Structures are given as structure tokens and as C-alpha cells.
Amino acid sequence: MRKKIVAGNWKMNKTLQEGIELAKEVNNKVKEADIKNVTVVIGTPFIHLAEINKIVDPNFIAVSAQNCATEASGAYTGEVSAAMVASTGSKYVILGHSERRSYYGENDAILVKKVERALENQLEVIFCVGEVLAEREANKHFEVVKSQLVNGLFSLPAEQFAHIVIAYEPVWAIGTGKTATSTQAEEMHNFIRKTVAEKYGQAVADNTSILYGGSCNAKNADELFSQPNVDGGLIGGASLKADDFMAIINARQNH
């Protein structure tokens, strides 16, 4: 059975002190609610990882980095390696987020290297794919997402692909207040699962968690999570408040 996952992406928010307080609050709420069938992940800035891994109960919450370097180690000032991320106790890393692709020029070749470094260090990868508005309007959204999957992930053998979580993020819906309808989300998630099945077989596809990542919030989570191929969410702004994040977790728990 594939995992139901709700992952928070804090992006560049929260000082270390603020992040510690938020992590404590989320940890307490998840434990109190006795969330059993949802994997809860919090994706924090690099400087938070070591401290927050000391705070959260790993039986209830996993910690994720938001990025890692293409190289294993060396003279790469300002970079953080996958080994460093893993050494903090973190279990996940988010790669290929649209902001990394668009603002920092991360292309398929870069992402292949990052995925390889992450898997070498036993990190689970949340790999983001998605189209911009012009591509959606030109009816190229399936073509774009397939290309990102094929060129970013499909060189992996099946046993490594088992450590990939896919997050579909329609770029036009991130931070804009727009959200893909549940029908649009399901259509793309179904397409992603079929594309994975064509490469790795139906059993692998059926075990691959596919998250929705475009302005998912407490109001629309229930409808999104009712779709058969939407296994959870990669949550941005709504993960910065414990109550909002918890409402989304509860929505996933209830489906």
C-alpha cells in the first residue's frame, strides 16, 4: 500500500527560534490526534534541521530538507550535501521544486545528480513536477510533466524509484490562491501513475505516492484528497500555522 503523506514546505520562512516553536506545536498536535495512517513531514530550512530532529517524535513526524547539493563534498561554498542532510536525522529531501527550477536554473541534468546524491544517503525524495500557466493554456501540461519525469527520474532502477514520492505542482497555482480543481488534479495524478506504470510496471506505480502541491489548504484539502490518485499534499503557506497544517492532516486521515 502506498503511503498517505502530508508534507509541509516552510520555504524561506521562520527563524530558528520560530521554527523550533512551530515544530513543537505541530509535533504535539499530531501526537494528541494520534495520527496513524498519514506520514507527516515538515520541510525546514537547512539551519533548522539538526535542532528540529531533536524535538519531533520520529514515530509521528519526519523531517525534510528543501534541497541538497549535486556533489557529495568539496569546495562548494554555501552548498549543503545530502550526507549533511542525512547526518541531522532527516529522512526526506524536496527536489525539483518549481522555485528551484525557475529562480535557480535547476534543469533535468542537475536534478538527476541531486536525486542520485540523495538516494546514496538513504533519503526519501519528494520530486516536484508541474507546468506553468502558458504550458497549461497551450495544452502541453501532460507533455511537460512526462518530460520532467522521464528526464529527471526514469534513469533510476526500480528498487531506487521505490524511494521517490512525486509531487504535482501546477506552477500557476503556487502562492497565487488559484488551485487546480479536484478534477484537474486527479486527471494529472492519474496520468503520472500511468506514466510510471509504463516505465516500471503497475505494481511500482500503485506503490508510488503522488502528492498535490498547488495552494492546498484547509478549505480544499478534503475535496482534493477524495480523489483516488491524490495521495496527499505538499503544503506551502498553510504549513506555517500549526492549526492550518493540522486541518489538512486530518482531512487526509479521514479519507
Protein backbone atom coordinates (compact mmCIF):
# COMPACT_ATOMS: atom_id res chain seq x y z
CA MET A 1 0.00 0.00 0.00
CA ARG A 2 1.30 3.42 -0.91
CA LYS A 3 1.71 5.98 1.85
CA LYS A 4 -0.64 8.85 2.52
CA ILE A 5 1.67 11.83 3.03
CA VAL A 6 1.16 15.42 4.12
CA ALA A 7 4.42 17.35 3.79
CA GLY A 8 4.90 20.95 4.82
CA ASN A 9 7.36 23.09 2.86
CA TRP A 10 8.28 26.08 5.03
CA LYS A 11 10.36 27.61 2.21
CA MET A 12 12.46 30.59 3.42
CA ASN A 13 10.35 31.31 6.49
CA LYS A 14 10.83 31.14 10.26
CA THR A 15 13.94 31.99 12.24
CA LEU A 16 15.49 29.07 14.08
CA GLN A 17 13.66 30.03 17.26
CA GLU A 18 10.32 30.43 15.46
CA GLY A 19 10.87 27.13 13.64
CA ILE A 20 11.53 25.29 16.89
CA GLU A 21 8.30 26.63 18.37
CA LEU A 22 6.28 25.67 15.27
CA ALA A 23 7.82 22.19 15.19
CA LYS A 24 6.97 21.65 18.87
CA GLU A 25 3.39 22.77 18.25
CA VAL A 26 2.93 20.54 15.20
CA ASN A 27 4.55 17.60 16.98
CA ASN A 28 2.23 17.95 19.98
CA LYS A 29 -0.90 18.30 17.85
CA VAL A 30 -0.05 15.27 15.68
CA LYS A 31 0.64 13.14 18.77
CA GLU A 32 -2.53 14.30 20.53
CA ALA A 33 -4.59 13.47 17.44
CA ASP A 34 -2.85 10.06 17.32
CA ILE A 35 -2.36 10.29 13.57
CA LYS A 36 -1.63 6.75 12.47
CA ASN A 37 -2.20 6.31 8.74
CA VAL A 38 -0.68 9.57 7.47
CA THR A 39 3.05 10.21 7.16
CA VAL A 40 3.59 13.79 8.33
CA VAL A 41 6.70 15.53 7.01
CA ILE A 42 8.00 19.02 7.78
CA GLY A 43 10.43 20.56 5.28
CA THR A 44 12.52 23.19 7.03
CA PRO A 45 15.40 25.48 6.07
CA PHE A 46 18.82 23.84 6.38
CA ILE A 47 19.79 25.62 9.59
CA HIS A 48 16.72 24.18 11.38
CA LEU A 49 17.27 20.52 10.54
CA ALA A 50 19.53 19.37 13.37
CA GLU A 51 17.59 21.14 16.13
CA ILE A 52 14.15 20.14 14.87
CA ASN A 53 15.14 16.49 14.54
CA LYS A 54 15.88 16.56 18.28
CA ILE A 55 12.39 17.91 19.02
CA VAL A 56 9.98 15.86 16.96
CA ASP A 57 8.93 12.29 17.69
CA PRO A 58 10.08 10.24 14.67
CA ASN A 59 7.14 7.90 15.22
CA PHE A 60 4.83 10.74 14.20
CA ILE A 61 6.85 13.25 12.16
CA ALA A 62 9.68 13.02 9.63
CA VAL A 63 11.90 15.98 8.83
CA SER A 64 12.88 17.02 5.30
CA ALA A 65 15.39 19.36 3.73
CA GLN A 66 14.17 21.57 0.89
CA ASN A 67 17.17 20.94 -1.36
CA CYS A 68 20.63 19.37 -1.48
CA ALA A 69 23.82 19.77 -3.50
CA THR A 70 24.71 17.97 -6.72
CA GLU A 71 28.10 16.99 -5.32
CA ALA A 72 28.99 14.69 -2.43
CA SER A 73 31.53 17.05 -0.82
CA GLY A 74 34.27 19.50 -1.66
CA ALA A 75 34.98 23.16 -2.36
CA TYR A 76 31.41 24.27 -2.97
CA THR A 77 30.97 27.29 -0.73
CA GLY A 78 27.42 27.71 0.56
CA GLU A 79 26.20 24.28 -0.53
CA VAL A 80 24.76 21.57 1.72
CA SER A 81 25.33 17.94 0.77
CA ALA A 82 22.87 15.08 1.00
CA ALA A 83 25.21 13.42 3.52
CA MET A 84 24.99 16.53 5.72
CA VAL A 85 21.19 16.46 5.50
CA ALA A 86 21.11 12.77 6.44
CA SER A 87 23.53 13.34 9.32
CA THR A 88 20.93 15.56 11.04
CA GLY A 89 18.48 12.67 11.23
CA SER A 90 16.36 13.99 8.37
CA LYS A 91 14.61 11.34 6.27
CA TYR A 92 13.41 13.31 3.23
CA VAL A 93 14.56 15.95 0.78
CA ILE A 94 12.40 18.03 -1.59
CA LEU A 95 13.95 18.27 -5.07
CA GLY A 96 12.88 19.94 -8.30
CA HIS A 97 10.52 22.47 -6.72
CA SER A 98 9.33 24.96 -9.31
CA GLU A 99 11.01 27.79 -7.42
CA ARG A 100 14.36 25.98 -7.67
CA ARG A 101 13.76 25.29 -11.35
CA SER A 102 12.75 28.85 -12.25
CA TYR A 103 14.78 31.05 -9.87
CA TYR A 104 17.98 28.99 -9.71
CA GLY A 105 18.05 27.36 -13.13
CA GLU A 106 17.82 23.76 -11.94
CA ASN A 107 17.39 21.64 -15.06
CA ASP A 108 16.94 17.91 -15.57
CA ALA A 109 20.70 17.20 -15.58
CA ILE A 110 21.18 18.98 -12.25
CA LEU A 111 18.21 17.22 -10.72
CA VAL A 112 19.43 13.78 -11.81
CA LYS A 113 22.63 14.38 -9.85
CA LYS A 114 20.77 15.66 -6.80
CA VAL A 115 18.43 12.67 -6.80
CA GLU A 116 21.43 10.32 -7.05
CA ARG A 117 23.18 12.02 -4.09
CA ALA A 118 20.00 11.88 -2.01
CA LEU A 119 19.40 8.18 -2.67
CA GLU A 120 23.05 7.35 -1.96
CA ASN A 121 22.44 8.76 1.52
CA GLN A 122 19.19 6.85 2.13
CA LEU A 123 16.99 9.93 1.85
CA GLU A 124 13.46 9.64 0.50
CA VAL A 125 12.98 12.12 -2.34
CA ILE A 126 9.90 14.29 -2.83
CA PHE A 127 10.33 15.10 -6.52
CA CYS A 128 8.30 18.01 -7.87
CA VAL A 129 6.87 18.24 -11.38
CA GLY A 130 4.42 20.66 -12.95
CA GLU A 131 3.60 23.09 -15.72
CA VAL A 132 3.47 26.88 -15.88
CA LEU A 133 0.31 28.70 -16.96
CA ALA A 134 1.40 29.18 -20.59
CA GLU A 135 2.03 25.44 -20.90
CA ARG A 136 -1.37 24.61 -19.40
CA GLU A 137 -3.11 27.08 -21.74
CA ALA A 138 -1.24 25.61 -24.72
CA ASN A 139 -2.47 22.17 -23.67
CA LYS A 140 1.12 21.00 -23.16
CA HIS A 141 0.76 20.14 -19.45
CA PHE A 142 0.91 16.36 -19.93
CA GLU A 143 3.88 16.66 -22.29
CA VAL A 144 5.78 18.88 -19.82
CA VAL A 145 5.16 16.67 -16.81
CA LYS A 146 6.07 13.50 -18.71
CA SER A 147 9.34 15.11 -19.83
CA GLN A 148 10.19 16.08 -16.24
CA LEU A 149 9.54 12.52 -15.06
CA VAL A 150 11.41 10.81 -17.89
CA ASN A 151 14.45 13.11 -17.84
CA GLY A 152 14.63 13.58 -14.07
CA LEU A 153 13.79 10.13 -12.70
CA PHE A 154 13.45 7.37 -15.25
CA SER A 155 17.16 6.53 -15.37
CA LEU A 156 16.70 5.06 -11.87
CA PRO A 157 16.35 1.30 -11.43
CA ALA A 158 13.02 0.19 -9.95
CA GLU A 159 14.47 -0.51 -6.50
CA GLN A 160 15.67 3.10 -6.25
CA PHE A 161 12.50 4.53 -7.74
CA ALA A 162 10.68 2.96 -4.79
CA HIS A 163 12.20 5.78 -2.67
CA ILE A 164 10.63 8.52 -4.80
CA VAL A 165 7.50 10.45 -3.87
CA ILE A 166 6.14 12.59 -6.70
CA ALA A 167 4.58 15.98 -6.02
CA TYR A 168 2.50 17.50 -8.81
CA GLU A 169 2.54 21.27 -8.51
CA PRO A 170 0.75 23.26 -11.21
CA VAL A 171 3.09 26.26 -11.08
CA TRP A 172 0.23 28.63 -11.88
CA ALA A 173 -1.43 27.60 -8.59
CA ILE A 174 1.53 28.06 -6.21
CA GLY A 175 1.12 31.02 -3.90
CA THR A 176 -1.44 32.57 -6.25
CA GLY A 177 -4.55 31.50 -4.39
CA LYS A 178 -5.57 29.59 -7.53
CA THR A 179 -5.95 25.85 -7.17
CA ALA A 180 -6.36 23.16 -9.76
CA THR A 181 -9.85 21.75 -9.46
CA SER A 182 -10.01 18.31 -7.90
CA THR A 183 -10.86 17.01 -11.39
CA GLN A 184 -7.75 18.63 -12.90
CA ALA A 185 -5.60 17.31 -10.07
CA GLU A 186 -6.96 13.77 -10.41
CA GLU A 187 -6.53 13.87 -14.19
CA MET A 188 -2.83 14.73 -13.85
CA HIS A 189 -2.18 12.34 -10.95
CA ASN A 190 -3.78 9.53 -12.95
CA PHE A 191 -1.59 10.46 -15.93
CA ILE A 192 1.54 10.43 -13.73
CA ARG A 193 0.67 7.00 -12.34
CA LYS A 194 0.08 5.63 -15.86
CA THR A 195 3.41 7.10 -17.00
CA VAL A 196 5.21 5.44 -14.07
CA ALA A 197 3.43 2.15 -14.86
CA GLU A 198 4.61 2.29 -18.48
CA LYS A 199 8.21 2.52 -17.27
CA TYR A 200 8.27 0.41 -14.10
CA GLY A 201 5.10 -1.68 -14.19
CA GLN A 202 1.73 -1.38 -12.48
CA ALA A 203 2.89 -2.69 -9.09
CA VAL A 204 5.52 0.05 -8.74
CA ALA A 205 3.04 2.68 -9.94
CA ASP A 206 0.45 1.51 -7.43
CA ASN A 207 3.01 1.89 -4.63
CA THR A 208 4.14 5.39 -5.66
CA SER A 209 2.70 8.21 -3.56
CA ILE A 210 1.68 11.23 -5.63
CA LEU A 211 1.06 14.47 -3.74
CA TYR A 212 -0.76 17.60 -4.86
CA GLY A 213 1.21 20.81 -4.35
CA GLY A 214 -0.64 23.89 -5.53
CA SER A 215 -2.23 26.08 -2.85
CA CYS A 216 -3.69 23.14 -0.96
CA ASN A 217 -5.32 24.43 2.22
CA ALA A 218 -7.80 23.50 4.94
CA LYS A 219 -10.75 24.50 2.75
CA ASN A 220 -9.94 22.46 -0.35
CA ALA A 221 -7.95 19.56 1.14
CA ASP A 222 -10.97 17.36 1.74
CA GLU A 223 -12.14 17.54 -1.87
CA LEU A 224 -8.63 17.03 -3.26
CA PHE A 225 -7.94 14.04 -1.00
CA SER A 226 -11.21 12.39 -2.02
CA GLN A 227 -9.68 11.73 -5.45
CA PRO A 228 -8.35 8.18 -5.86
CA ASN A 229 -4.91 9.15 -7.18
CA VAL A 230 -4.24 12.10 -4.85
CA ASP A 231 -2.28 10.51 -2.02
CA GLY A 232 -1.60 13.67 -0.03
CA GLY A 233 -0.25 17.17 -0.29
CA LEU A 234 2.94 19.22 -0.42
CA ILE A 235 1.80 22.22 1.58
CA GLY A 236 3.36 25.68 1.41
CA GLY A 237 1.85 28.64 3.26
CA ALA A 238 -0.70 26.58 5.16
CA SER A 239 2.11 24.61 6.82
CA LEU A 240 3.38 27.72 8.63
CA LYS A 241 0.48 27.68 11.11
CA ALA A 242 0.06 24.54 13.18
CA ASP A 243 -3.76 24.65 13.21
CA ASP A 244 -4.00 25.09 9.43
CA PHE A 245 -1.49 22.30 8.82
CA MET A 246 -3.31 20.04 11.26
CA ALA A 247 -6.62 20.60 9.47
CA ILE A 248 -5.03 19.32 6.25
CA ILE A 249 -3.52 16.32 8.05
CA ASN A 250 -6.94 15.50 9.50
CA ALA A 251 -8.51 15.75 6.04
CA ARG A 252 -6.01 13.19 4.76
CA GLN A 253 -6.54 10.95 7.80
CA ASN A 254 -10.29 10.93 7.17
CA HIS A 255 -10.03 9.61 3.59
